[in-house]
All heavy atoms as atom14 arrays in JSON, in Angstrom:
{
  "sequence": "CGDWNIAHREADLKNWKANRKSAGFLPEEREWLT",
  "atom14_mask": [
    [1, 1, 1, 1, 1, 1, 0, 0, 0, 0, 0, 0, 0, 0],
    [1, 1, 1, 1, 0, 0, 0, 0, 0, 0, 0, 0, 0, 0],
    [1, 1, 1, 1, 1, 1, 1, 1, 0, 0, 0, 0, 0, 0],
    [1, 1, 1, 1, 1, 1, 1, 1, 1, 1, 1, 1, 1, 1],
    [1, 1, 1, 1, 1, 1, 1, 1, 0, 0, 0, 0, 0, 0],
    [1, 1, 1, 1, 1, 1, 1, 1, 0, 0, 0, 0, 0, 0],
    [1, 1, 1, 1, 1, 0, 0, 0, 0, 0, 0, 0, 0, 0],
    [1, 1, 1, 1, 1, 1, 1, 1, 1, 1, 0, 0, 0, 0],
    [1, 1, 1, 1, 1, 1, 1, 1, 1, 1, 1, 0, 0, 0],
    [1, 1, 1, 1, 1, 1, 1, 1, 1, 0, 0, 0, 0, 0],
    [1, 1, 1, 1, 1, 0, 0, 0, 0, 0, 0, 0, 0, 0],
    [1, 1, 1, 1, 1, 1, 1, 1, 0, 0, 0, 0, 0, 0],
    [1, 1, 1, 1, 1, 1, 1, 1, 0, 0, 0, 0, 0, 0],
    [1, 1, 1, 1, 1, 1, 1, 1, 1, 0, 0, 0, 0, 0],
    [1, 1, 1, 1, 1, 1, 1, 1, 0, 0, 0, 0, 0, 0],
    [1, 1, 1, 1, 1, 1, 1, 1, 1, 1, 1, 1, 1, 1],
    [1, 1, 1, 1, 1, 1, 1, 1, 1, 0, 0, 0, 0, 0],
    [1, 1, 1, 1, 1, 0, 0, 0, 0, 0, 0, 0, 0, 0],
    [1, 1, 1, 1, 1, 1, 1, 1, 0, 0, 0, 0, 0, 0],
    [1, 1, 1, 1, 1, 1, 1, 1, 1, 1, 1, 0, 0, 0],
    [1, 1, 1, 1, 1, 1, 1, 1, 1, 0, 0, 0, 0, 0],
    [1, 1, 1, 1, 1, 1, 0, 0, 0, 0, 0, 0, 0, 0],
    [1, 1, 1, 1, 1, 0, 0, 0, 0, 0, 0, 0, 0, 0],
    [1, 1, 1, 1, 0, 0, 0, 0, 0, 0, 0, 0, 0, 0],
    [1, 1, 1, 1, 1, 1, 1, 1, 1, 1, 1, 0, 0, 0],
    [1, 1, 1, 1, 1, 1, 1, 1, 0, 0, 0, 0, 0, 0],
    [1, 1, 1, 1, 1, 1, 1, 0, 0, 0, 0, 0, 0, 0],
    [1, 1, 1, 1, 1, 1, 1, 1, 1, 0, 0, 0, 0, 0],
    [1, 1, 1, 1, 1, 1, 1, 1, 1, 0, 0, 0, 0, 0],
    [1, 1, 1, 1, 1, 1, 1, 1, 1, 1, 1, 0, 0, 0],
    [1, 1, 1, 1, 1, 1, 1, 1, 1, 0, 0, 0, 0, 0],
    [1, 1, 1, 1, 1, 1, 1, 1, 1, 1, 1, 1, 1, 1],
    [1, 1, 1, 1, 1, 1, 1, 1, 0, 0, 0, 0, 0, 0],
    [1, 1, 1, 1, 1, 1, 1, 0, 0, 0, 0, 0, 0, 0]
  ],
  "atom14_positions": [
    [[-67.71, 122.85, -167.69], [-67.52, 122.51, -166.28], [-67.65, 123.76, -165.43], [-67.3, 124.85, -165.87], [-66.12, 121.94, -166.05], [-65.72, 120.53, -167.07], [0.0, 0.0, 0.0], [0.0, 0.0, 0.0], [0.0, 0.0, 0.0], [0.0, 0.0, 0.0], [0.0, 0.0, 0.0], [0.0, 0.0, 0.0], [0.0, 0.0, 0.0], [0.0, 0.0, 0.0]],
    [[-68.1, 123.58, -164.21], [-68.06, 124.74, -163.33], [-69.09, 124.75, -162.24], [-69.82, 123.78, -162.01], [0.0, 0.0, 0.0], [0.0, 0.0, 0.0], [0.0, 0.0, 0.0], [0.0, 0.0, 0.0], [0.0, 0.0, 0.0], [0.0, 0.0, 0.0], [0.0, 0.0, 0.0], [0.0, 0.0, 0.0], [0.0, 0.0, 0.0], [0.0, 0.0, 0.0]],
    [[-69.13, 125.9, -161.59], [-70.09, 126.17, -160.53], [-71.3, 126.83, -161.19], [-71.28, 128.02, -161.49], [-69.45, 127.09, -159.49], [-70.39, 127.41, -158.34], [-71.56, 126.98, -158.38], [-69.97, 128.11, -157.4], [0.0, 0.0, 0.0], [0.0, 0.0, 0.0], [0.0, 0.0, 0.0], [0.0, 0.0, 0.0], [0.0, 0.0, 0.0], [0.0, 0.0, 0.0]],
    [[-72.32, 126.0, -161.42], [-73.54, 126.49, -162.07], [-74.49, 127.15, -161.07], [-75.48, 127.75, -161.46], [-74.25, 125.34, -162.79], [-73.51, 124.83, -163.99], [-72.29, 124.2, -164.0], [-73.93, 124.9, -165.36], [-71.94, 123.87, -165.29], [-72.93, 124.28, -166.15], [-75.07, 125.4, -165.99], [-73.03, 124.17, -167.54], [-75.18, 125.28, -167.37], [-74.16, 124.68, -168.13]],
    [[-74.21, 127.03, -159.78], [-74.98, 127.69, -158.72], [-76.47, 127.39, -158.77], [-77.31, 128.22, -158.4], [-74.73, 129.2, -158.74], [-73.61, 129.6, -157.78], [-73.61, 129.18, -156.63], [-72.67, 130.39, -158.26], [0.0, 0.0, 0.0], [0.0, 0.0, 0.0], [0.0, 0.0, 0.0], [0.0, 0.0, 0.0], [0.0, 0.0, 0.0], [0.0, 0.0, 0.0]],
    [[-76.81, 126.19, -159.23], [-78.2, 125.72, -159.23], [-78.2, 124.24, -158.87], [-77.48, 123.46, -159.5], [-78.89, 125.9, -160.59], [-78.9, 127.37, -161.03], [-80.33, 125.38, -160.54], [-79.34, 127.56, -162.48], [0.0, 0.0, 0.0], [0.0, 0.0, 0.0], [0.0, 0.0, 0.0], [0.0, 0.0, 0.0], [0.0, 0.0, 0.0], [0.0, 0.0, 0.0]],
    [[-78.97, 123.86, -157.88], [-79.22, 122.45, -157.58], [-80.45, 122.04, -158.4], [-81.53, 122.61, -158.21], [-79.45, 122.24, -156.1], [0.0, 0.0, 0.0], [0.0, 0.0, 0.0], [0.0, 0.0, 0.0], [0.0, 0.0, 0.0], [0.0, 0.0, 0.0], [0.0, 0.0, 0.0], [0.0, 0.0, 0.0], [0.0, 0.0, 0.0], [0.0, 0.0, 0.0]],
    [[-80.28, 121.1, -159.29], [-81.34, 120.8, -160.25], [-82.51, 120.04, -159.65], [-83.67, 120.37, -159.88], [-80.75, 120.01, -161.42], [-81.72, 119.76, -162.53], [-81.76, 118.59, -163.25], [-82.7, 120.55, -163.04], [-82.71, 118.67, -164.16], [-83.29, 119.84, -164.06], [0.0, 0.0, 0.0], [0.0, 0.0, 0.0], [0.0, 0.0, 0.0], [0.0, 0.0, 0.0]],
    [[-82.21, 119.03, -158.86], [-83.25, 118.15, -158.33], [-83.19, 118.08, -156.82], [-82.21, 118.5, -156.21], [-83.08, 116.74, -158.92], [-83.29, 116.69, -160.41], [-82.89, 115.39, -161.09], [-82.79, 114.21, -160.24], [-82.45, 113.01, -160.7], [-82.2, 112.84, -161.98], [-82.35, 111.98, -159.88], [0.0, 0.0, 0.0], [0.0, 0.0, 0.0], [0.0, 0.0, 0.0]],
    [[-84.23, 117.53, -156.22], [-84.25, 117.38, -154.77], [-83.07, 116.56, -154.28], [-82.55, 116.78, -153.19], [-85.58, 116.76, -154.32], [-86.78, 117.67, -154.56], [-88.11, 116.97, -154.36], [-88.1, 115.78, -153.96], [-89.15, 117.6, -154.61], [0.0, 0.0, 0.0], [0.0, 0.0, 0.0], [0.0, 0.0, 0.0], [0.0, 0.0, 0.0], [0.0, 0.0, 0.0]],
    [[-82.63, 115.61, -155.08], [-81.5, 114.77, -154.7], [-80.18, 115.53, -154.72], [-79.16, 115.01, -154.27], [-81.39, 113.57, -155.65], [0.0, 0.0, 0.0], [0.0, 0.0, 0.0], [0.0, 0.0, 0.0], [0.0, 0.0, 0.0], [0.0, 0.0, 0.0], [0.0, 0.0, 0.0], [0.0, 0.0, 0.0], [0.0, 0.0, 0.0], [0.0, 0.0, 0.0]],
    [[-80.21, 116.78, -155.19], [-78.99, 117.55, -155.33], [-78.7, 118.48, -154.16], [-77.71, 119.23, -154.2], [-79.02, 118.36, -156.63], [-79.02, 117.46, -157.86], [-78.36, 116.4, -157.81], [-79.69, 117.8, -158.86], [0.0, 0.0, 0.0], [0.0, 0.0, 0.0], [0.0, 0.0, 0.0], [0.0, 0.0, 0.0], [0.0, 0.0, 0.0], [0.0, 0.0, 0.0]],
    [[-79.53, 118.47, -153.13], [-79.2, 119.19, -151.91], [-79.89, 118.52, -150.73], [-80.99, 118.0, -150.85], [-79.57, 120.67, -151.99], [-81.03, 121.11, -151.98], [-81.13, 122.6, -151.67], [-81.7, 120.82, -153.29], [0.0, 0.0, 0.0], [0.0, 0.0, 0.0], [0.0, 0.0, 0.0], [0.0, 0.0, 0.0], [0.0, 0.0, 0.0], [0.0, 0.0, 0.0]],
    [[-79.21, 118.55, -149.6], [-79.68, 117.81, -148.43], [-81.0, 118.38, -147.9], [-81.97, 117.67, -147.71], [-78.59, 117.86, -147.35], [-78.84, 116.98, -146.14], [-78.74, 115.5, -146.49], [-78.63, 114.63, -145.27], [-77.3, 114.62, -144.66], [0.0, 0.0, 0.0], [0.0, 0.0, 0.0], [0.0, 0.0, 0.0], [0.0, 0.0, 0.0], [0.0, 0.0, 0.0]],
    [[-81.02, 119.69, -147.68], [-82.2, 120.33, -147.08], [-83.04, 121.03, -148.14], [-83.25, 122.23, -148.1], [-81.77, 121.33, -145.99], [-81.2, 120.64, -144.77], [-81.54, 119.5, -144.47], [-80.34, 121.34, -144.05], [0.0, 0.0, 0.0], [0.0, 0.0, 0.0], [0.0, 0.0, 0.0], [0.0, 0.0, 0.0], [0.0, 0.0, 0.0], [0.0, 0.0, 0.0]],
    [[-83.55, 120.26, -149.09], [-84.26, 120.88, -150.2], [-85.57, 121.52, -149.78], [-85.96, 122.57, -150.31], [-84.49, 119.87, -151.33], [-85.41, 118.73, -151.0], [-85.06, 117.51, -150.52], [-86.83, 118.71, -151.14], [-86.17, 116.72, -150.35], [-87.28, 117.44, -150.72], [-87.77, 119.64, -151.59], [-88.62, 117.08, -150.73], [-89.11, 119.28, -151.6], [-89.52, 118.02, -151.17]],
    [[-86.26, 120.95, -148.8], [-87.54, 121.52, -148.38], [-87.39, 122.92, -147.8], [-88.23, 123.79, -148.03], [-88.22, 120.6, -147.34], [-88.75, 119.3, -147.93], [-89.46, 118.46, -146.88], [-90.0, 117.18, -147.48], [-90.67, 116.33, -146.46], [0.0, 0.0, 0.0], [0.0, 0.0, 0.0], [0.0, 0.0, 0.0], [0.0, 0.0, 0.0], [0.0, 0.0, 0.0]],
    [[-86.31, 123.14, -147.07], [-86.08, 124.44, -146.44], [-85.52, 125.47, -147.42], [-85.45, 126.66, -147.09], [-85.11, 124.29, -145.27], [0.0, 0.0, 0.0], [0.0, 0.0, 0.0], [0.0, 0.0, 0.0], [0.0, 0.0, 0.0], [0.0, 0.0, 0.0], [0.0, 0.0, 0.0], [0.0, 0.0, 0.0], [0.0, 0.0, 0.0], [0.0, 0.0, 0.0]],
    [[-85.16, 125.04, -148.64], [-84.52, 125.95, -149.59], [-85.34, 126.19, -150.85], [-84.8, 126.67, -151.85], [-83.14, 125.38, -149.97], [-82.11, 125.61, -148.89], [-81.64, 126.73, -148.69], [-81.76, 124.55, -148.18], [0.0, 0.0, 0.0], [0.0, 0.0, 0.0], [0.0, 0.0, 0.0], [0.0, 0.0, 0.0], [0.0, 0.0, 0.0], [0.0, 0.0, 0.0]],
    [[-86.64, 125.89, -150.78], [-87.46, 126.05, -151.97], [-87.61, 127.5, -152.42], [-87.94, 127.77, -153.57], [-88.84, 125.42, -151.74], [-88.81, 123.9, -151.81], [-90.14, 123.27, -151.5], [-90.45, 123.36, -150.07], [-91.46, 122.73, -149.49], [-92.28, 121.98, -150.22], [-91.68, 122.84, -148.2], [0.0, 0.0, 0.0], [0.0, 0.0, 0.0], [0.0, 0.0, 0.0]],
    [[-87.34, 128.46, -151.51], [-87.4, 129.87, -151.87], [-86.03, 130.53, -151.85], [-85.91, 131.75, -151.84], [-88.36, 130.61, -150.92], [-89.81, 130.14, -151.04], [-90.74, 130.94, -150.15], [-92.19, 130.47, -150.3], [-93.12, 131.25, -149.44], [0.0, 0.0, 0.0], [0.0, 0.0, 0.0], [0.0, 0.0, 0.0], [0.0, 0.0, 0.0], [0.0, 0.0, 0.0]],
    [[-85.0, 129.69, -151.87], [-83.62, 130.2, -151.83], [-83.01, 130.2, -153.22], [-83.28, 129.32, -154.04], [-82.75, 129.31, -150.92], [-83.24, 129.31, -149.6], [0.0, 0.0, 0.0], [0.0, 0.0, 0.0], [0.0, 0.0, 0.0], [0.0, 0.0, 0.0], [0.0, 0.0, 0.0], [0.0, 0.0, 0.0], [0.0, 0.0, 0.0], [0.0, 0.0, 0.0]],
    [[-82.16, 131.2, -153.49], [-81.42, 131.22, -154.74], [-80.61, 129.94, -154.85], [-80.03, 129.47, -153.88], [-80.49, 132.43, -154.77], [0.0, 0.0, 0.0], [0.0, 0.0, 0.0], [0.0, 0.0, 0.0], [0.0, 0.0, 0.0], [0.0, 0.0, 0.0], [0.0, 0.0, 0.0], [0.0, 0.0, 0.0], [0.0, 0.0, 0.0], [0.0, 0.0, 0.0]],
    [[-80.62, 129.37, -156.03], [-79.94, 128.11, -156.25], [-80.89, 126.94, -156.3], [-80.53, 125.86, -156.79], [0.0, 0.0, 0.0], [0.0, 0.0, 0.0], [0.0, 0.0, 0.0], [0.0, 0.0, 0.0], [0.0, 0.0, 0.0], [0.0, 0.0, 0.0], [0.0, 0.0, 0.0], [0.0, 0.0, 0.0], [0.0, 0.0, 0.0], [0.0, 0.0, 0.0]],
    [[-82.14, 127.14, -155.83], [-83.13, 126.06, -155.9], [-84.52, 126.63, -156.23], [-85.53, 126.02, -155.93], [-83.17, 125.27, -154.59], [-83.82, 123.92, -154.71], [-83.33, 122.96, -155.58], [-84.94, 123.59, -153.93], [-83.93, 121.72, -155.68], [-85.55, 122.34, -154.03], [-85.04, 121.41, -154.91], [0.0, 0.0, 0.0], [0.0, 0.0, 0.0], [0.0, 0.0, 0.0]],
    [[-84.55, 127.8, -156.83], [-85.82, 128.41, -157.22], [-86.39, 127.69, -158.44], [-85.63, 127.19, -159.28], [-85.61, 129.89, -157.53], [-85.17, 130.77, -156.36], [-84.82, 132.17, -156.85], [-86.25, 130.83, -155.28], [0.0, 0.0, 0.0], [0.0, 0.0, 0.0], [0.0, 0.0, 0.0], [0.0, 0.0, 0.0], [0.0, 0.0, 0.0], [0.0, 0.0, 0.0]],
    [[-87.7, 127.63, -158.57], [-88.31, 126.93, -159.7], [-87.82, 127.4, -161.06], [-87.56, 126.58, -161.95], [-89.81, 127.22, -159.52], [-89.99, 127.48, -158.07], [-88.72, 128.16, -157.63], [0.0, 0.0, 0.0], [0.0, 0.0, 0.0], [0.0, 0.0, 0.0], [0.0, 0.0, 0.0], [0.0, 0.0, 0.0], [0.0, 0.0, 0.0], [0.0, 0.0, 0.0]],
    [[-87.64, 128.73, -161.2], [-87.2, 129.27, -162.49], [-85.79, 128.79, -162.83], [-85.47, 128.52, -163.99], [-87.23, 130.8, -162.46], [-88.6, 131.39, -162.24], [-88.95, 131.57, -160.75], [-88.28, 130.97, -159.89], [-89.9, 132.31, -160.47], [0.0, 0.0, 0.0], [0.0, 0.0, 0.0], [0.0, 0.0, 0.0], [0.0, 0.0, 0.0], [0.0, 0.0, 0.0]],
    [[-84.94, 128.71, -161.82], [-83.56, 128.25, -162.03], [-83.54, 126.78, -162.43], [-82.84, 126.36, -163.36], [-82.74, 128.46, -160.76], [-82.59, 129.91, -160.35], [-81.97, 130.07, -158.98], [-82.23, 129.22, -158.09], [-81.2, 131.02, -158.79], [0.0, 0.0, 0.0], [0.0, 0.0, 0.0], [0.0, 0.0, 0.0], [0.0, 0.0, 0.0], [0.0, 0.0, 0.0]],
    [[-84.31, 125.98, -161.71], [-84.34, 124.55, -161.98], [-84.94, 124.26, -163.36], [-84.46, 123.37, -164.08], [-85.12, 123.84, -160.88], [-84.48, 123.99, -159.5], [-85.4, 123.52, -158.41], [-85.67, 122.09, -158.53], [-86.68, 121.46, -157.94], [-87.55, 122.16, -157.2], [-86.85, 120.17, -158.09], [0.0, 0.0, 0.0], [0.0, 0.0, 0.0], [0.0, 0.0, 0.0]],
    [[-85.95, 125.03, -163.74], [-86.56, 124.86, -165.07], [-85.55, 125.21, -166.16], [-85.5, 124.54, -167.21], [-87.81, 125.74, -165.19], [-88.99, 125.23, -164.36], [-90.08, 126.28, -164.2], [-90.01, 127.33, -164.88], [-90.99, 126.05, -163.38], [0.0, 0.0, 0.0], [0.0, 0.0, 0.0], [0.0, 0.0, 0.0], [0.0, 0.0, 0.0], [0.0, 0.0, 0.0]],
    [[-84.74, 126.23, -165.92], [-83.72, 126.61, -166.89], [-82.7, 125.49, -167.05], [-82.31, 125.16, -168.18], [-83.04, 127.9, -166.43], [-81.94, 128.38, -167.33], [-82.09, 129.11, -168.48], [-80.54, 128.15, -167.19], [-80.86, 129.36, -169.05], [-79.89, 128.79, -168.27], [-79.77, 127.48, -166.23], [-78.5, 128.76, -168.43], [-78.39, 127.46, -166.39], [-77.77, 128.09, -167.48]],
    [[-82.29, 124.87, -165.95], [-81.33, 123.78, -166.03], [-81.96, 122.57, -166.73], [-81.27, 121.84, -167.46], [-80.85, 123.4, -164.63], [-79.41, 122.88, -164.52], [-78.42, 123.78, -165.23], [-79.02, 122.72, -163.05], [0.0, 0.0, 0.0], [0.0, 0.0, 0.0], [0.0, 0.0, 0.0], [0.0, 0.0, 0.0], [0.0, 0.0, 0.0], [0.0, 0.0, 0.0]],
    [[-83.25, 122.38, -166.54], [-83.94, 121.32, -167.28], [-83.85, 121.57, -168.78], [-83.66, 120.63, -169.56], [-85.42, 121.24, -166.84], [-85.47, 120.84, -165.46], [-86.19, 120.24, -167.67], [0.0, 0.0, 0.0], [0.0, 0.0, 0.0], [0.0, 0.0, 0.0], [0.0, 0.0, 0.0], [0.0, 0.0, 0.0], [0.0, 0.0, 0.0], [0.0, 0.0, 0.0]]
  ]
}
């Protein structure tokens, strides 16, 4: 359990389009969570 500091999918953050280059929603982070 915990704060993984990664939003995995677009459904996991409201403003996903504006955060595609932000820490927490970077492609490498999301791929790791996958």
